[in-house]
Amino acid sequence: MKKLLNFEYGAINAIYWMYFGVITSFASIFLLSKDYMNSEIGIILAMSSILAVVVQMILADIADRSQKISPIGITEIITVILLVATLTLFLFTGKSIVLSVIFIFIGACLIALQPIINSMAFYISQSGCEINYGITRSAGSVFYAVICALLGYLVQFYGVKYIPIAGVLVLISFLGILSITKKTYLKSISENSVLVNKSLNDDIVRINTKDFIKNNAPFIIFSFGVMWVFFENSVINYYLMQIIMDVGGNSNQMGNLFFFMAILELPCFIFFSKLRKIFSCQLMLKIASVAFTAKILLVFMANSMSLIYIGFLFQFFSYPIFMASAVYLVDEVMDKGEAVKGQALITGMITLSNIFASLAGGAILDVSGPHLLLFISTITCIIGTFIIYASVDRIKKSKKASVIVNETIMIK
């Protein structure tokens, strides 16, 4: 049963990140094909991130407090909404206010799901089955890589119509695996009733947002460092097409680059549990933030696709180590009643970096081009690295009164 739930939770991650790849990584290509300017695309992406900050905090609070609706149930509801919204993308042949609103809504729901996917691992663990972070998260990277490479090829040679087609097919699959996982979870509860009852009856303190901020000041400062570091990651996710076009790249090569990055993430995700036995989360967060800075600096200096690939090699040390360490850090310092809020805070700060990168990125690309945008991204990453170095060691571990998942998942 444990292996089956890990497989199914890995499939949930795989399919979620496939949809993330379809919508986020190909947003610029889709909207450019509808005659949007870079600055307009930036505004759309920023608005979706702003809305997502509000939505995800509401959903995280529901997940922390509600005894009636599970993270799987919340995800199913959001998925149905996303499916309907994605289907409407077929109706538009050009730029329109309605299309802008729909795309903002899709982006917001997609981002808002991230802390819910995180909390799902805690939820599944209540059945008595621990979730292996490395394997489940590596599945997300593998399938993100596959969809980006495949969709990059299809868009290059057959057109942007395959973007919403891929989105619809992925969401239908998502509903299927969520339903299967729910049934497996309930069966596992039945088989492990004694352990589950103990976990569910633990005296868990539900912490409101005000108390959460008061009790976790060093973690709040650390999260601001995350926001600065991830500005460059948002720029790469949203505007990679414009960046590589400046050195002669195309949509097929963009898909290959996303594939390359995702494959590089696999070793550290898979073996992170072993790394954690050797290095502290705090130390690995410092190393990863330096790797982020090195990556964007080399991309800034690149004048060919070959040099961009060299810069992207630092993805091996940056994204997987940072995200895994951040998740484990939340697991170590947060009580169960505030764990989803901790995940949502990290997600929220990354979302804020998405907002800034979207607005600044689109405007800078229209006015000056990719070179200035990459320079600014390098500076913000250096600032974020300094903040992380100054704050992360001040975050102390706290004891937990309840049984929590051994390993969980964070956002891309």
Protein backbone atom coordinates (compact mmCIF):
# COMPACT_ATOMS: atom_id res chain seq x y z
CA MET A 1 0.00 0.00 0.00
CA LYS A 2 2.87 2.35 0.83
CA LYS A 3 4.45 1.82 -2.59
CA LEU A 4 1.10 2.30 -4.31
CA LEU A 5 0.38 5.61 -2.56
CA ASN A 6 3.89 6.83 -3.33
CA PHE A 7 3.39 5.90 -6.97
CA GLU A 8 0.03 7.66 -7.11
CA TYR A 9 1.30 10.77 -5.33
CA GLY A 10 4.24 10.79 -7.75
CA ALA A 11 1.73 10.65 -10.62
CA ILE A 12 -0.12 13.62 -9.12
CA ASN A 13 3.14 15.58 -9.11
CA ALA A 14 3.98 14.44 -12.62
CA ILE A 15 0.66 15.56 -14.07
CA TYR A 16 0.55 18.81 -12.11
CA TRP A 17 3.98 19.83 -13.41
CA MET A 18 2.98 18.84 -16.94
CA TYR A 19 0.14 21.34 -16.78
CA PHE A 20 2.49 23.87 -15.21
CA GLY A 21 4.78 23.42 -18.20
CA VAL A 22 1.93 23.82 -20.69
CA ILE A 23 0.54 27.02 -19.16
CA THR A 24 3.52 28.80 -17.61
CA SER A 25 6.43 27.83 -19.85
CA PHE A 26 4.45 28.36 -23.06
CA ALA A 27 2.45 31.40 -21.95
CA SER A 28 4.57 33.86 -23.93
CA ILE A 29 4.38 31.81 -27.12
CA PHE A 30 0.61 31.39 -26.85
CA LEU A 31 -0.10 35.03 -26.09
CA LEU A 32 2.39 36.34 -28.67
CA SER A 33 0.49 34.30 -31.26
CA LYS A 34 -2.67 36.21 -30.25
CA ASP A 35 -0.92 39.55 -31.00
CA TYR A 36 -0.08 40.51 -27.40
CA MET A 37 2.97 42.69 -26.73
CA ASN A 38 5.60 41.63 -24.21
CA SER A 39 4.47 44.32 -21.77
CA GLU A 40 0.85 43.12 -22.07
CA ILE A 41 1.95 39.54 -21.45
CA GLY A 42 3.82 40.76 -18.39
CA ILE A 43 0.71 42.43 -17.01
CA ILE A 44 -1.37 39.29 -17.55
CA LEU A 45 1.19 37.08 -15.81
CA ALA A 46 1.53 39.59 -12.98
CA MET A 47 -2.22 39.82 -12.45
CA SER A 48 -2.51 36.04 -12.29
CA SER A 49 0.22 35.96 -9.65
CA ILE A 50 -1.43 38.73 -7.62
CA LEU A 51 -4.74 36.89 -7.64
CA ALA A 52 -2.95 33.65 -6.78
CA VAL A 53 -1.43 35.17 -3.62
CA VAL A 54 -4.93 35.81 -2.28
CA VAL A 55 -6.41 32.51 -3.43
CA GLN A 56 -3.60 30.32 -2.17
CA MET A 57 -3.64 31.84 1.32
CA ILE A 58 -7.40 31.22 1.51
CA LEU A 59 -6.99 27.64 0.32
CA ALA A 60 -4.06 27.05 2.68
CA ASP A 61 -6.10 28.29 5.61
CA ILE A 62 -8.96 25.96 4.62
CA ALA A 63 -6.54 23.05 4.33
CA ASP A 64 -5.07 23.80 7.79
CA ARG A 65 -8.42 24.24 9.53
CA SER A 66 -11.08 22.25 7.69
CA GLN A 67 -12.10 18.78 8.84
CA LYS A 68 -14.63 18.38 6.02
CA ILE A 69 -12.69 18.88 2.78
CA SER A 70 -9.36 17.25 2.10
CA PRO A 71 -6.45 18.56 -0.03
CA ILE A 72 -7.43 15.96 -2.64
CA GLY A 73 -10.99 17.29 -2.67
CA ILE A 74 -9.80 20.90 -3.00
CA THR A 75 -7.52 19.88 -5.87
CA GLU A 76 -10.36 18.08 -7.66
CA ILE A 77 -12.56 21.18 -7.49
CA ILE A 78 -9.82 23.47 -8.81
CA THR A 79 -8.98 20.98 -11.57
CA VAL A 80 -12.56 20.95 -12.86
CA ILE A 81 -12.53 24.76 -12.92
CA LEU A 82 -9.21 24.75 -14.79
CA LEU A 83 -10.52 22.23 -17.32
CA VAL A 84 -13.50 24.43 -18.19
CA ALA A 85 -11.30 27.53 -18.42
CA THR A 86 -8.72 25.77 -20.63
CA LEU A 87 -11.41 24.59 -23.02
CA THR A 88 -12.45 28.21 -23.60
CA LEU A 89 -8.97 29.02 -24.99
CA PHE A 90 -10.02 27.34 -28.25
CA LEU A 91 -12.60 30.10 -28.81
CA PHE A 92 -10.12 32.95 -29.31
CA THR A 93 -8.30 33.84 -32.52
CA GLY A 94 -6.75 37.11 -31.32
CA LYS A 95 -6.20 39.49 -28.45
CA SER A 96 -9.23 40.33 -26.30
CA ILE A 97 -10.12 41.43 -22.78
CA VAL A 98 -11.99 38.17 -22.16
CA LEU A 99 -8.98 36.07 -23.17
CA SER A 100 -6.78 38.14 -20.86
CA VAL A 101 -9.16 37.60 -17.93
CA ILE A 102 -9.39 33.85 -18.57
CA PHE A 103 -5.63 33.48 -18.79
CA ILE A 104 -5.20 35.45 -15.56
CA PHE A 105 -7.71 33.15 -13.89
CA ILE A 106 -6.00 29.98 -15.17
CA GLY A 107 -2.61 31.16 -13.98
CA ALA A 108 -3.95 32.10 -10.55
CA CYS A 109 -5.62 28.71 -10.00
CA LEU A 110 -2.52 26.87 -11.17
CA ILE A 111 -0.23 28.72 -8.75
CA ALA A 112 -2.75 28.50 -5.90
CA LEU A 113 -2.72 24.70 -6.18
CA GLN A 114 0.95 24.44 -5.24
CA PRO A 115 0.65 24.58 -1.42
CA ILE A 116 -2.37 22.28 -1.64
CA ILE A 117 -0.29 19.71 -3.50
CA ASN A 118 2.27 20.12 -0.71
CA SER A 119 -0.27 19.57 2.05
CA MET A 120 -1.58 16.50 0.24
CA ALA A 121 1.57 14.66 1.32
CA PHE A 122 0.76 15.43 4.98
CA TYR A 123 -2.80 14.29 4.38
CA ILE A 124 -1.76 11.00 2.77
CA SER A 125 0.67 10.31 5.62
CA GLN A 126 -2.30 10.11 8.00
CA SER A 127 -3.10 6.76 6.44
CA GLY A 128 0.11 5.38 7.92
CA CYS A 129 2.09 5.55 4.67
CA GLU A 130 5.08 7.88 4.42
CA ILE A 131 5.68 9.78 1.18
CA ASN A 132 9.17 9.63 -0.34
CA TYR A 133 9.91 13.17 -1.45
CA GLY A 134 12.77 12.40 -3.84
CA ILE A 135 10.97 9.89 -6.01
CA THR A 136 7.65 11.73 -6.14
CA ARG A 137 9.22 15.08 -6.95
CA SER A 138 11.55 13.60 -9.56
CA ALA A 139 8.45 12.35 -11.36
CA GLY A 140 7.34 15.96 -11.65
CA SER A 141 10.66 16.95 -13.21
CA VAL A 142 10.66 14.05 -15.66
CA PHE A 143 7.20 14.72 -17.01
CA TYR A 144 7.72 18.49 -17.02
CA ALA A 145 10.77 17.82 -19.19
CA VAL A 146 8.84 15.52 -21.51
CA ILE A 147 5.91 17.90 -22.03
CA CYS A 148 8.19 20.89 -22.67
CA ALA A 149 10.28 19.02 -25.25
CA LEU A 150 7.23 17.53 -26.98
CA LEU A 151 5.19 20.72 -26.95
CA GLY A 152 8.15 22.78 -28.13
CA TYR A 153 8.41 20.53 -31.18
CA LEU A 154 4.66 20.52 -31.88
CA VAL A 155 4.38 24.31 -31.59
CA GLN A 156 7.42 24.90 -33.81
CA PHE A 157 6.16 22.70 -36.63
CA TYR A 158 2.36 22.53 -36.21
CA GLY A 159 1.25 25.66 -34.36
CA VAL A 160 0.09 26.97 -30.98
CA LYS A 161 -3.23 25.09 -31.13
CA TYR A 162 -1.43 22.21 -29.41
CA ILE A 163 -0.95 24.27 -26.24
CA PRO A 164 -4.63 24.19 -25.12
CA ILE A 165 -5.00 20.65 -26.52
CA ALA A 166 -2.19 19.46 -24.28
CA GLY A 167 -3.67 21.36 -21.34
CA VAL A 168 -7.06 19.68 -21.66
CA LEU A 169 -5.60 16.17 -21.99
CA VAL A 170 -3.37 16.69 -18.95
CA LEU A 171 -6.24 17.95 -16.78
CA ILE A 172 -8.46 15.01 -17.67
CA SER A 173 -5.63 12.70 -16.60
CA PHE A 174 -5.26 14.73 -13.40
CA LEU A 175 -8.88 14.13 -12.42
CA GLY A 176 -8.40 10.41 -13.00
CA ILE A 177 -5.33 10.04 -10.79
CA LEU A 178 -6.87 12.18 -8.02
CA SER A 179 -9.90 9.89 -7.93
CA ILE A 180 -7.71 6.76 -7.82
CA THR A 181 -5.51 8.20 -5.05
CA LYS A 182 -8.53 9.07 -2.92
CA LYS A 183 -9.74 5.45 -3.09
CA THR A 184 -6.30 4.08 -2.24
CA TYR A 185 -5.99 6.49 0.69
CA LEU A 186 -9.33 5.38 2.15
CA LYS A 187 -8.33 1.73 1.75
CA SER A 188 -5.03 2.42 3.53
CA ILE A 189 -6.89 4.10 6.40
CA SER A 190 -9.02 0.99 6.79
CA GLU A 191 -5.94 -1.25 6.90
CA ASN A 192 -4.04 1.01 9.36
CA SER A 193 -6.92 2.17 11.54
CA VAL A 194 -5.06 2.13 14.86
CA LEU A 195 -2.17 4.28 13.64
CA VAL A 196 -4.46 6.62 11.76
CA ASN A 197 -6.81 7.14 14.68
CA LYS A 198 -3.88 8.08 16.89
CA SER A 199 -2.66 10.60 14.33
CA LEU A 200 -6.07 12.09 13.71
CA ASN A 201 -6.83 12.40 17.41
CA ASP A 202 -3.61 14.22 18.26
CA ASP A 203 -4.17 17.54 19.95
CA ILE A 204 -3.22 19.89 17.11
CA VAL A 205 -3.20 23.63 17.69
CA ARG A 206 -4.67 25.54 14.74
CA ILE A 207 -2.60 28.71 14.36
CA ASN A 208 -4.01 31.82 12.70
CA THR A 209 -2.01 33.97 10.30
CA LYS A 210 -1.24 36.72 12.85
CA ASP A 211 0.26 34.27 15.35
CA PHE A 212 2.12 32.50 12.56
CA ILE A 213 3.92 35.73 11.60
CA LYS A 214 4.65 36.56 15.25
CA ASN A 215 6.13 33.13 15.99
CA ASN A 216 8.27 32.79 12.87
CA ALA A 217 10.09 36.12 12.34
CA PRO A 218 13.43 34.65 11.09
CA PHE A 219 11.54 32.42 8.68
CA ILE A 220 9.67 35.47 7.35
CA ILE A 221 12.98 37.26 6.66
CA PHE A 222 14.32 34.14 4.95
CA SER A 223 11.24 34.03 2.74
CA PHE A 224 11.99 37.56 1.48
CA GLY A 225 15.39 36.27 0.39
CA VAL A 226 13.59 33.52 -1.52
CA MET A 227 11.56 36.20 -3.33
CA TRP A 228 14.71 38.02 -4.51
CA VAL A 229 16.50 34.85 -5.58
CA PHE A 230 13.53 33.54 -7.54
CA PHE A 231 13.16 36.68 -9.63
CA GLU A 232 15.62 35.18 -12.10
CA ASN A 233 13.80 31.85 -12.06
CA SER A 234 10.55 33.65 -12.95
CA VAL A 235 12.26 35.55 -15.76
CA ILE A 236 13.57 32.26 -17.20
CA ASN A 237 10.17 30.57 -16.91
CA TYR A 238 8.23 33.42 -18.52
CA TYR A 239 10.62 34.93 -21.03
CA LEU A 240 13.04 32.20 -22.09
CA MET A 241 11.72 32.41 -25.65
CA GLN A 242 12.59 36.10 -25.91
CA ILE A 243 15.98 35.48 -24.27
CA ILE A 244 17.07 32.76 -26.68
CA MET A 245 15.66 34.56 -29.73
CA ASP A 246 18.26 37.23 -28.97
CA VAL A 247 20.98 34.64 -29.67
CA GLY A 248 19.21 32.90 -32.56
CA GLY A 249 17.02 30.35 -30.75
CA ASN A 250 13.46 29.14 -31.55
CA SER A 251 10.52 27.46 -29.79
CA ASN A 252 11.88 23.96 -30.40
CA GLN A 253 15.16 24.93 -28.74
CA MET A 254 13.22 26.54 -25.89
CA GLY A 255 11.44 23.25 -25.25
CA ASN A 256 14.77 21.44 -25.32
CA LEU A 257 16.21 23.88 -22.76
CA PHE A 258 13.32 23.29 -20.37
CA PHE A 259 13.81 19.55 -20.91
CA PHE A 260 17.54 19.93 -20.17
CA MET A 261 16.87 21.84 -16.94
CA ALA A 262 14.32 19.36 -15.69
CA ILE A 263 16.56 16.36 -16.34
CA LEU A 264 19.40 18.06 -14.45
CA GLU A 265 17.11 18.29 -11.41
CA LEU A 266 16.63 14.53 -11.11
CA PRO A 267 19.81 13.37 -9.32
CA CYS A 268 19.55 15.83 -6.44
CA PHE A 269 15.81 15.25 -6.04
CA ILE A 270 16.23 11.47 -6.02
CA PHE A 271 19.17 11.42 -3.62
CA PHE A 272 18.21 14.38 -1.49
CA SER A 273 17.37 12.23 1.52
CA LYS A 274 20.98 11.03 1.52
CA LEU A 275 22.31 14.57 1.13
CA ARG A 276 20.18 15.65 4.07
CA LYS A 277 21.95 13.14 6.30
CA ILE A 278 25.27 14.80 5.50
CA PHE A 279 24.37 18.50 5.17
CA SER A 280 21.89 20.70 7.03
CA CYS A 281 19.01 22.31 5.15
CA GLN A 282 20.45 25.71 6.03
CA LEU A 283 23.81 24.95 4.41
CA MET A 284 22.20 23.49 1.28
CA LEU A 285 19.99 26.57 0.91
CA LYS A 286 23.10 28.73 0.94
CA ILE A 287 24.82 26.57 -1.68
CA ALA A 288 21.73 26.52 -3.90
CA SER A 289 21.28 30.31 -3.78
CA VAL A 290 24.89 30.75 -4.97
CA ALA A 291 24.20 28.28 -7.80
CA PHE A 292 21.13 30.31 -8.83
CA THR A 293 23.34 33.40 -9.03
CA ALA A 294 25.99 31.62 -11.08
CA LYS A 295 23.37 30.34 -13.52
CA ILE A 296 21.79 33.71 -14.28
CA LEU A 297 25.20 35.42 -14.45
CA LEU A 298 26.39 33.00 -17.13
CA VAL A 299 23.14 33.35 -19.09
CA PHE A 300 23.56 37.13 -18.90
CA MET A 301 27.08 36.81 -20.33
CA ALA A 302 26.08 34.30 -23.06
CA ASN A 303 26.11 35.26 -26.74
CA SER A 304 25.16 31.84 -28.13
CA MET A 305 22.88 28.90 -27.36
CA SER A 306 25.90 26.80 -26.36
CA LEU A 307 26.84 29.25 -23.60
CA ILE A 308 23.25 29.37 -22.36
CA TYR A 309 23.34 25.58 -22.00
CA ILE A 310 26.54 25.93 -19.97
CA GLY A 311 24.83 28.43 -17.65
CA PHE A 312 21.86 26.11 -17.25
CA LEU A 313 24.18 23.38 -15.93
CA PHE A 314 23.92 25.13 -12.56
CA GLN A 315 20.29 24.00 -12.44
CA PHE A 316 21.77 20.76 -11.10
CA PHE A 317 22.74 22.49 -7.84
CA SER A 318 20.20 25.31 -7.67
CA TYR A 319 16.53 24.48 -8.06
CA PRO A 320 16.26 20.90 -6.72
CA ILE A 321 18.49 21.47 -3.69
CA PHE A 322 16.84 24.78 -2.85
CA MET A 323 13.26 23.55 -3.14
CA ALA A 324 13.86 20.27 -1.32
CA SER A 325 15.75 22.03 1.47
CA ALA A 326 13.01 24.64 1.83
CA VAL A 327 10.37 21.94 2.17
CA TYR A 328 12.33 20.04 4.79
CA LEU A 329 13.03 23.28 6.63
CA VAL A 330 9.28 23.92 6.88
CA ASP A 331 8.87 20.35 8.08
CA GLU A 332 11.46 20.93 10.79
CA VAL A 333 10.39 24.31 12.15
CA MET A 334 6.61 24.33 11.75
CA ASP A 335 3.98 22.68 13.93
CA LYS A 336 1.41 20.70 12.03
CA GLY A 337 -1.27 23.35 12.55
CA GLU A 338 0.84 25.89 10.68
CA ALA A 339 2.73 23.73 8.20
CA VAL A 340 0.57 24.57 5.19
CA LYS A 341 0.93 28.27 5.99
CA GLY A 342 4.70 27.81 5.98
CA GLN A 343 4.53 26.17 2.58
CA ALA A 344 2.13 28.85 1.36
CA LEU A 345 4.49 31.60 2.54
CA ILE A 346 7.35 30.22 0.45
CA THR A 347 4.98 29.76 -2.48
CA GLY A 348 3.60 33.26 -1.93
CA MET A 349 7.06 34.84 -1.99
CA ILE A 350 7.91 33.01 -5.19
CA THR A 351 4.58 34.22 -6.53
CA LEU A 352 5.53 37.80 -5.65
CA SER A 353 8.76 37.32 -7.58
CA ASN A 354 6.60 36.14 -10.48
CA ILE A 355 4.64 39.39 -10.25
CA PHE A 356 7.72 41.60 -10.28
CA ALA A 357 9.37 39.55 -13.04
CA SER A 358 6.22 39.64 -15.15
CA LEU A 359 5.70 43.39 -14.93
CA ALA A 360 9.34 44.42 -15.12
CA GLY A 361 10.25 41.73 -17.64
CA GLY A 362 7.62 42.59 -20.22
CA ALA A 363 8.28 46.32 -20.01
CA ILE A 364 12.08 45.95 -20.13
CA LEU A 365 11.90 43.58 -23.11
CA ASP A 366 9.79 46.08 -25.09
CA VAL A 367 11.99 49.05 -24.18
CA SER A 368 15.52 47.66 -23.98
CA GLY A 369 15.65 43.91 -24.68
CA PRO A 370 16.80 40.74 -22.88
CA HIS A 371 20.31 41.91 -21.93
CA LEU A 372 19.14 44.52 -19.41
CA LEU A 373 16.54 42.12 -18.00
CA LEU A 374 19.21 39.49 -17.39
CA PHE A 375 21.47 42.06 -15.73
CA ILE A 376 18.71 43.09 -13.32
CA SER A 377 17.95 39.41 -12.64
CA THR A 378 21.57 38.83 -11.70
CA ILE A 379 21.54 41.75 -9.24
CA THR A 380 18.29 40.61 -7.56
CA CYS A 381 19.68 37.08 -7.19
CA ILE A 382 22.81 38.42 -5.48
CA ILE A 383 20.65 40.46 -3.07
CA GLY A 384 18.50 37.42 -2.27
CA THR A 385 21.56 35.30 -1.65
CA PHE A 386 22.86 37.80 0.90
CA ILE A 387 19.49 37.84 2.71
CA ILE A 388 19.40 34.03 2.86
CA TYR A 389 22.94 33.89 4.21
CA ALA A 390 22.05 36.45 6.88
CA SER A 391 18.79 34.82 8.04
CA VAL A 392 18.66 31.09 7.43
CA ASP A 393 20.90 30.07 10.35
CA ARG A 394 18.63 31.96 12.75
CA ILE A 395 15.75 29.62 11.98
CA LYS A 396 15.56 27.09 14.79
CA LYS A 397 13.97 23.68 14.85
CA SER A 398 10.79 23.23 16.86
CA LYS A 399 9.36 20.05 18.31
CA LYS A 400 6.12 18.74 16.88
CA ALA A 401 3.37 17.11 18.88
CA SER A 402 1.96 15.16 15.97
CA VAL A 403 3.09 12.59 13.47
CA ILE A 404 3.90 14.28 10.16
CA VAL A 405 4.98 13.10 6.78
CA ASN A 406 8.62 12.21 6.48
CA GLU A 407 8.97 13.80 3.12
CA THR A 408 6.82 16.22 1.12
CA ILE A 409 6.86 18.38 -2.01
CA MET A 410 7.43 21.98 -2.95
CA ILE A 411 6.76 24.28 -6.10
CA LYS A 412 8.69 24.93 -9.30
